[in-house]
Amino acid sequence: TAEVLGITPKDFEKVIDAELETYNKWANGEVYAWTLYDENGEIVDGGGDYYSLEEIRAELPEEWQNEKLEDYQTND
């Protein structure tokens, strides 16, 4: 309950809505991962369990921050 978490009922609704949005994305397969490869095709870095491309952008090295990530999407 909101009291247990120490938040107002209005904020509790916001928290529940955010959790439901994340769950719905997970249930519908709207989960992203990323992998960076070097020039030899070897994996350099990567991550997963992201629910938006903006979450991925926050994790990428600086030189990738302005890339149009939609251009790299696959359905693997």
PDB file of N, CA and C in Angstrom:
ATOM      1  N   THR A   1       0.835  -1.184   0.000  1.00  0.00           N
ATOM      2  CA  THR A   1       0.000   0.000   0.000  1.00  0.00           C
ATOM      3  C   THR A   1       0.882   1.250   0.000  1.00  0.00           C
ATOM      4  N   ALA A   2       0.234   2.377  -0.266  1.00  0.00           N
ATOM      5  CA  ALA A   2       0.960   3.649  -0.298  1.00  0.00           C
ATOM      6  C   ALA A   2       1.571   3.955   1.063  1.00  0.00           C
ATOM      7  N   GLU A   3       0.858   3.622   2.120  1.00  0.00           N
ATOM      8  CA  GLU A   3       1.358   3.904   3.465  1.00  0.00           C
ATOM      9  C   GLU A   3       2.635   3.119   3.760  1.00  0.00           C
ATOM     10  N   VAL A   4       2.662   1.878   3.359  1.00  0.00           N
ATOM     11  CA  VAL A   4       3.838   1.035   3.592  1.00  0.00           C
ATOM     12  C   VAL A   4       5.050   1.597   2.850  1.00  0.00           C
ATOM     13  N   LEU A   5       4.820   2.096   1.629  1.00  0.00           N
ATOM     14  CA  LEU A   5       5.906   2.650   0.841  1.00  0.00           C
ATOM     15  C   LEU A   5       6.245   4.080   1.225  1.00  0.00           C
ATOM     16  N   GLY A   6       5.379   4.687   2.021  1.00  0.00           N
ATOM     17  CA  GLY A   6       5.620   6.056   2.454  1.00  0.00           C
ATOM     18  C   GLY A   6       5.390   7.094   1.375  1.00  0.00           C
ATOM     19  N   ILE A   7       4.438   6.824   0.483  1.00  0.00           N
ATOM     20  CA  ILE A   7       4.121   7.772  -0.580  1.00  0.00           C
ATOM     21  C   ILE A   7       2.637   8.098  -0.554  1.00  0.00           C
ATOM     22  N   THR A   8       2.276   9.171  -1.233  1.00  0.00           N
ATOM     23  CA  THR A   8       0.869   9.575  -1.271  1.00  0.00           C
ATOM     24  C   THR A   8       0.083   8.640  -2.180  1.00  0.00           C
ATOM     25  N   PRO A   9      -1.224   8.552  -1.976  1.00  0.00           N
ATOM     26  CA  PRO A   9      -2.041   7.713  -2.866  1.00  0.00           C
ATOM     27  C   PRO A   9      -1.902   8.107  -4.341  1.00  0.00           C
ATOM     28  N   LYS A  10      -1.780   9.410  -4.627  1.00  0.00           N
ATOM     29  CA  LYS A  10      -1.606   9.860  -6.004  1.00  0.00           C
ATOM     30  C   LYS A  10      -0.299   9.317  -6.582  1.00  0.00           C
ATOM     31  N   ASP A  11       0.786   9.380  -5.811  1.00  0.00           N
ATOM     32  CA  ASP A  11       2.065   8.843  -6.268  1.00  0.00           C
ATOM     33  C   ASP A  11       2.019   7.324  -6.394  1.00  0.00           C
ATOM     34  N   PHE A  12       1.250   6.685  -5.522  1.00  0.00           N
ATOM     35  CA  PHE A  12       1.095   5.231  -5.582  1.00  0.00           C
ATOM     36  C   PHE A  12       0.488   4.831  -6.928  1.00  0.00           C
ATOM     37  N   GLU A  13      -0.500   5.571  -7.380  1.00  0.00           N
ATOM     38  CA  GLU A  13      -1.105   5.290  -8.685  1.00  0.00           C
ATOM     39  C   GLU A  13      -0.080   5.425  -9.803  1.00  0.00           C
ATOM     40  N   LYS A  14       0.762   6.441  -9.720  1.00  0.00           N
ATOM     41  CA  LYS A  14       1.800   6.641 -10.728  1.00  0.00           C
ATOM     42  C   LYS A  14       2.774   5.466 -10.749  1.00  0.00           C
ATOM     43  N   VAL A  15       3.148   4.986  -9.559  1.00  0.00           N
ATOM     44  CA  VAL A  15       4.065   3.850  -9.462  1.00  0.00           C
ATOM     45  C   VAL A  15       3.429   2.603 -10.067  1.00  0.00           C
ATOM     46  N   ILE A  16       2.178   2.346  -9.735  1.00  0.00           N
ATOM     47  CA  ILE A  16       1.463   1.178 -10.278  1.00  0.00           C
ATOM     48  C   ILE A  16       1.345   1.293 -11.794  1.00  0.00           C
ATOM     49  N   ASP A  17       0.999   2.485 -12.299  1.00  0.00           N
ATOM     50  CA  ASP A  17       0.885   2.683 -13.747  1.00  0.00           C
ATOM     51  C   ASP A  17       2.213   2.417 -14.449  1.00  0.00           C
ATOM     52  N   ALA A  18       3.304   2.894 -13.872  1.00  0.00           N
ATOM     53  CA  ALA A  18       4.624   2.672 -14.461  1.00  0.00           C
ATOM     54  C   ALA A  18       4.975   1.182 -14.463  1.00  0.00           C
ATOM     55  N   GLU A  19       4.667   0.495 -13.374  1.00  0.00           N
ATOM     56  CA  GLU A  19       4.940  -0.945 -13.297  1.00  0.00           C
ATOM     57  C   GLU A  19       4.111  -1.707 -14.326  1.00  0.00           C
ATOM     58  N   LEU A  20       2.850  -1.333 -14.497  1.00  0.00           N
ATOM     59  CA  LEU A  20       1.992  -1.990 -15.493  1.00  0.00           C
ATOM     60  C   LEU A  20       2.488  -1.735 -16.909  1.00  0.00           C
ATOM     61  N   GLU A  21       2.963  -0.533 -17.167  1.00  0.00           N
ATOM     62  CA  GLU A  21       3.506  -0.220 -18.489  1.00  0.00           C
ATOM     63  C   GLU A  21       4.720  -1.089 -18.788  1.00  0.00           C
ATOM     64  N   THR A  22       5.606  -1.229 -17.826  1.00  0.00           N
ATOM     65  CA  THR A  22       6.795  -2.074 -17.997  1.00  0.00           C
ATOM     66  C   THR A  22       6.383  -3.527 -18.187  1.00  0.00           C
ATOM     67  N   TYR A  23       5.459  -4.010 -17.382  1.00  0.00           N
ATOM     68  CA  TYR A  23       5.003  -5.402 -17.509  1.00  0.00           C
ATOM     69  C   TYR A  23       4.390  -5.643 -18.883  1.00  0.00           C
ATOM     70  N   ASN A  24       3.559  -4.720 -19.349  1.00  0.00           N
ATOM     71  CA  ASN A  24       2.933  -4.880 -20.667  1.00  0.00           C
ATOM     72  C   ASN A  24       3.968  -4.915 -21.776  1.00  0.00           C
ATOM     73  N   LYS A  25       4.995  -4.077 -21.686  1.00  0.00           N
ATOM     74  CA  LYS A  25       6.056  -4.105 -22.685  1.00  0.00           C
ATOM     75  C   LYS A  25       6.765  -5.456 -22.661  1.00  0.00           C
ATOM     76  N   TRP A  26       7.054  -5.953 -21.469  1.00  0.00           N
ATOM     77  CA  TRP A  26       7.702  -7.261 -21.345  1.00  0.00           C
ATOM     78  C   TRP A  26       6.821  -8.356 -21.936  1.00  0.00           C
ATOM     79  N   ALA A  27       5.536  -8.353 -21.567  1.00  0.00           N
ATOM     80  CA  ALA A  27       4.610  -9.394 -22.019  1.00  0.00           C
ATOM     81  C   ALA A  27       4.418  -9.374 -23.533  1.00  0.00           C
ATOM     82  N   ASN A  28       4.543  -8.206 -24.143  1.00  0.00           N
ATOM     83  CA  ASN A  28       4.374  -8.076 -25.589  1.00  0.00           C
ATOM     84  C   ASN A  28       5.689  -8.190 -26.356  1.00  0.00           C
ATOM     85  N   GLY A  29       6.767  -8.506 -25.664  1.00  0.00           N
ATOM     86  CA  GLY A  29       8.056  -8.695 -26.315  1.00  0.00           C
ATOM     87  C   GLY A  29       8.740  -7.406 -26.719  1.00  0.00           C
ATOM     88  N   GLU A  30       8.354  -6.309 -26.116  1.00  0.00           N
ATOM     89  CA  GLU A  30       8.962  -5.014 -26.437  1.00  0.00           C
ATOM     90  C   GLU A  30      10.170  -4.768 -25.535  1.00  0.00           C
ATOM     91  N   VAL A  31      11.106  -5.686 -25.607  1.00  0.00           N
ATOM     92  CA  VAL A  31      12.311  -5.627 -24.790  1.00  0.00           C
ATOM     93  C   VAL A  31      13.506  -5.566 -25.742  1.00  0.00           C
ATOM     94  N   TYR A  32      14.430  -4.661 -25.451  1.00  0.00           N
ATOM     95  CA  TYR A  32      15.571  -4.434 -26.326  1.00  0.00           C
ATOM     96  C   TYR A  32      16.882  -4.898 -25.686  1.00  0.00           C
ATOM     97  N   ALA A  33      17.819  -5.217 -26.566  1.00  0.00           N
ATOM     98  CA  ALA A  33      19.189  -5.521 -26.156  1.00  0.00           C
ATOM     99  C   ALA A  33      20.108  -4.878 -27.196  1.00  0.00           C
ATOM    100  N   TRP A  34      21.361  -4.711 -26.840  1.00  0.00           N
ATOM    101  CA  TRP A  34      22.323  -4.149 -27.786  1.00  0.00           C
ATOM    102  C   TRP A  34      23.644  -4.877 -27.675  1.00  0.00           C
ATOM    103  N   THR A  35      24.365  -4.896 -28.801  1.00  0.00           N
ATOM    104  CA  THR A  35      25.683  -5.511 -28.853  1.00  0.00           C
ATOM    105  C   THR A  35      26.563  -4.659 -29.756  1.00  0.00           C
ATOM    106  N   LEU A  36      27.749  -4.341 -29.294  1.00  0.00           N
ATOM    107  CA  LEU A  36      28.735  -3.639 -30.109  1.00  0.00           C
ATOM    108  C   LEU A  36      29.824  -4.629 -30.519  1.00  0.00           C
ATOM    109  N   TYR A  37      30.174  -4.590 -31.796  1.00  0.00           N
ATOM    110  CA  TYR A  37      31.208  -5.466 -32.342  1.00  0.00           C
ATOM    111  C   TYR A  37      32.391  -4.630 -32.796  1.00  0.00           C
ATOM    112  N   ASP A  38      33.586  -5.204 -32.735  1.00  0.00           N
ATOM    113  CA  ASP A  38      34.749  -4.514 -33.286  1.00  0.00           C
ATOM    114  C   ASP A  38      34.843  -4.815 -34.785  1.00  0.00           C
ATOM    115  N   GLU A  39      35.871  -4.301 -35.426  1.00  0.00           N
ATOM    116  CA  GLU A  39      36.026  -4.468 -36.871  1.00  0.00           C
ATOM    117  C   GLU A  39      36.238  -5.916 -37.287  1.00  0.00           C
ATOM    118  N   ASN A  40      36.564  -6.793 -36.328  1.00  0.00           N
ATOM    119  CA  ASN A  40      36.740  -8.223 -36.628  1.00  0.00           C
ATOM    120  C   ASN A  40      35.498  -9.042 -36.331  1.00  0.00           C
ATOM    121  N   GLY A  41      34.433  -8.369 -35.938  1.00  0.00           N
ATOM    122  CA  GLY A  41      33.201  -9.080 -35.625  1.00  0.00           C
ATOM    123  C   GLY A  41      33.154  -9.651 -34.224  1.00  0.00           C
ATOM    124  N   GLU A  42      34.122  -9.295 -33.402  1.00  0.00           N
ATOM    125  CA  GLU A  42      34.151  -9.761 -32.015  1.00  0.00           C
ATOM    126  C   GLU A  42      33.303  -8.834 -31.143  1.00  0.00           C
ATOM    127  N   ILE A  43      32.582  -9.410 -30.192  1.00  0.00           N
ATOM    128  CA  ILE A  43      31.748  -8.614 -29.290  1.00  0.00           C
ATOM    129  C   ILE A  43      32.638  -7.789 -28.371  1.00  0.00           C
ATOM    130  N   VAL A  44      32.332  -6.489 -28.302  1.00  0.00           N
ATOM    131  CA  VAL A  44      33.081  -5.567 -27.463  1.00  0.00           C
ATOM    132  C   VAL A  44      32.298  -5.242 -26.202  1.00  0.00           C
ATOM    133  N   ASP A  45      31.001  -5.067 -26.346  1.00  0.00           N
ATOM    134  CA  ASP A  45      30.157  -4.671 -25.217  1.00  0.00           C
ATOM    135  C   ASP A  45      28.715  -4.983 -25.570  1.00  0.00           C
ATOM    136  N   GLY A  46      27.842  -4.942 -24.573  1.00  0.00           N
ATOM    137  CA  GLY A  46      26.426  -5.185 -24.824  1.00  0.00           C
ATOM    138  C   GLY A  46      25.622  -5.130 -23.551  1.00  0.00           C
ATOM    139  N   GLY A  47      24.324  -5.227 -23.710  1.00  0.00           N
ATOM    140  CA  GLY A  47      23.427  -5.215 -22.561  1.00  0.00           C
ATOM    141  C   GLY A  47      22.027  -5.610 -23.007  1.00  0.00           C
ATOM    142  N   GLY A  48      21.166  -5.847 -22.044  1.00  0.00           N
ATOM    143  CA  GLY A  48      19.808  -6.257 -22.367  1.00  0.00           C
ATOM    144  C   GLY A  48      18.809  -5.828 -21.321  1.00  0.00           C
ATOM    145  N   ASP A  49      17.563  -6.227 -21.530  1.00  0.00           N
ATOM    146  CA  ASP A  49      16.444  -5.907 -20.647  1.00  0.00           C
ATOM    147  C   ASP A  49      16.130  -4.423 -20.611  1.00  0.00           C
ATOM    148  N   TYR A  50      16.151  -3.782 -21.774  1.00  0.00           N
ATOM    149  CA  TYR A  50      15.784  -2.377 -21.891  1.00  0.00           C
ATOM    150  C   TYR A  50      14.385  -2.292 -22.492  1.00  0.00           C
ATOM    151  N   TYR A  51      13.643  -1.286 -22.078  1.00  0.00           N
ATOM    152  CA  TYR A  51      12.266  -1.137 -22.553  1.00  0.00           C
ATOM    153  C   TYR A  51      12.086   0.052 -23.480  1.00  0.00           C
ATOM    154  N   SER A  52      13.173   0.703 -23.859  1.00  0.00           N
ATOM    155  CA  SER A  52      13.111   1.775 -24.849  1.00  0.00           C
ATOM    156  C   SER A  52      14.508   1.985 -25.416  1.00  0.00           C
ATOM    157  N   LEU A  53      14.542   2.577 -26.602  1.00  0.00           N
ATOM    158  CA  LEU A  53      15.837   2.879 -27.207  1.00  0.00           C
ATOM    159  C   LEU A  53      16.568   3.956 -26.424  1.00  0.00           C
ATOM    160  N   GLU A  54      15.845   4.830 -25.765  1.00  0.00           N
ATOM    161  CA  GLU A  54      16.485   5.870 -24.956  1.00  0.00           C
ATOM    162  C   GLU A  54      17.223   5.271 -23.759  1.00  0.00           C
ATOM    163  N   GLU A  55      16.693   4.185 -23.199  1.00  0.00           N
ATOM    164  CA  GLU A  55      17.409   3.500 -22.118  1.00  0.00           C
ATOM    165  C   GLU A  55      18.730   2.942 -22.637  1.00  0.00           C
ATOM    166  N   ILE A  56      18.710   2.419 -23.854  1.00  0.00           N
ATOM    167  CA  ILE A  56      19.940   1.904 -24.448  1.00  0.00           C
ATOM    168  C   ILE A  56      20.920   3.046 -24.674  1.00  0.00           C
ATOM    169  N   ARG A  57      20.434   4.147 -25.214  1.00  0.00           N
ATOM    170  CA  ARG A  57      21.308   5.285 -25.505  1.00  0.00           C
ATOM    171  C   ARG A  57      22.088   5.713 -24.267  1.00  0.00           C
ATOM    172  N   ALA A  58      21.453   5.679 -23.121  1.00  0.00           N
ATOM    173  CA  ALA A  58      22.106   6.086 -21.872  1.00  0.00           C
ATOM    174  C   ALA A  58      23.278   5.170 -21.504  1.00  0.00           C
ATOM    175  N   GLU A  59      23.297   3.962 -22.029  1.00  0.00           N
ATOM    176  CA  GLU A  59      24.348   2.993 -21.706  1.00  0.00           C
ATOM    177  C   GLU A  59      25.465   2.929 -22.740  1.00  0.00           C
ATOM    178  N   LEU A  60      25.234   3.495 -23.911  1.00  0.00           N
ATOM    179  CA  LEU A  60      26.217   3.384 -24.990  1.00  0.00           C
ATOM    180  C   LEU A  60      27.416   4.302 -24.762  1.00  0.00           C
ATOM    181  N   PRO A  61      28.558   3.927 -25.342  1.00  0.00           N
ATOM    182  CA  PRO A  61      29.723   4.816 -25.277  1.00  0.00           C
ATOM    183  C   PRO A  61      29.391   6.164 -25.920  1.00  0.00           C
ATOM    184  N   GLU A  62      30.115   7.182 -25.521  1.00  0.00           N
ATOM    185  CA  GLU A  62      29.846   8.555 -25.965  1.00  0.00           C
ATOM    186  C   GLU A  62      29.776   8.692 -27.488  1.00  0.00           C
ATOM    187  N   GLU A  63      30.634   8.006 -28.208  1.00  0.00           N
ATOM    188  CA  GLU A  63      30.652   8.161 -29.661  1.00  0.00           C
ATOM    189  C   GLU A  63      29.391   7.631 -30.344  1.00  0.00           C
ATOM    190  N   TRP A  64      28.559   6.913 -29.622  1.00  0.00           N
ATOM    191  CA  TRP A  64      27.308   6.390 -30.172  1.00  0.00           C
ATOM    192  C   TRP A  64      26.085   7.171 -29.700  1.00  0.00           C
ATOM    193  N   GLN A  65      26.257   8.180 -28.897  1.00  0.00           N
ATOM    194  CA  GLN A  65      25.132   8.890 -28.294  1.00  0.00           C
ATOM    195  C   GLN A  65      24.200   9.553 -29.308  1.00  0.00           C
ATOM    196  N   ASN A  66      24.699   9.979 -30.456  1.00  0.00           N
ATOM    197  CA  ASN A  66      23.863  10.683 -31.432  1.00  0.00           C
ATOM    198  C   ASN A  66      23.417   9.806 -32.595  1.00  0.00           C
ATOM    199  N   GLU A  67      23.681   8.520 -32.516  1.00  0.00           N
ATOM    200  CA  GLU A  67      23.265   7.602 -33.579  1.00  0.00           C
ATOM    201  C   GLU A  67      21.750   7.449 -33.604  1.00  0.00           C
ATOM    202  N   LYS A  68      21.205   7.248 -34.791  1.00  0.00           N
ATOM    203  CA  LYS A  68      19.778   6.950 -34.942  1.00  0.00           C
ATOM    204  C   LYS A  68      19.620   5.439 -34.710  1.00  0.00           C
ATOM    205  N   LEU A  69      19.293   5.070 -33.482  1.00  0.00           N
ATOM    206  CA  LEU A  69      19.283   3.658 -33.091  1.00  0.00           C
ATOM    207  C   LEU A  69      18.261   2.835 -33.864  1.00  0.00           C
ATOM    208  N   GLU A  70      17.222   3.466 -34.348  1.00  0.00           N
ATOM    209  CA  GLU A  70      16.210   2.745 -35.125  1.00  0.00           C
ATOM    210  C   GLU A  70      16.821   2.093 -36.366  1.00  0.00           C
ATOM    211  N   ASP A  71      17.888   2.692 -36.889  1.00  0.00           N
ATOM    212  CA  ASP A  71      18.550   2.141 -38.080  1.00  0.00           C
ATOM    213  C   ASP A  71      19.240   0.812 -37.802  1.00  0.00           C
ATOM    214  N   TYR A  72      19.459   0.498 -36.536  1.00  0.00           N
ATOM    215  CA  TYR A  72      20.187  -0.720 -36.167  1.00  0.00           C
ATOM    216  C   TYR A  72      19.276  -1.818 -35.626  1.00  0.00           C
ATOM    217  N   GLN A  73      17.998  -1.565 -35.572  1.00  0.00           N
ATOM    218  CA  GLN A  73      17.073  -2.544 -34.990  1.00  0.00           C
ATOM    219  C   GLN A  73      16.966  -3.797 -35.842  1.00  0.00           C
ATOM    220  N   THR A  74      16.924  -4.934 -35.163  1.00  0.00           N
ATOM    221  CA  THR A  74      16.635  -6.221 -35.802  1.00  0.00           C
ATOM    222  C   THR A  74      15.592  -6.917 -34.942  1.00  0.00           C
ATOM    223  N   ASN A  75      15.033  -7.974 -35.443  1.00  0.00           N
ATOM    224  CA  ASN A  75      14.024  -8.729 -34.703  1.00  0.00           C
ATOM    225  C   ASN A  75      14.561 -10.078 -34.248  1.00  0.00           C
ATOM    226  N   ASP A  76      15.821 -10.121 -33.878  1.00  0.00           N
ATOM    227  CA  ASP A  76      16.444 -11.371 -33.444  1.00  0.00           C
ATOM    228  C   ASP A  76      15.918 -11.810 -32.102  1.00  0.00           C
TER     229      ASP A  76
END
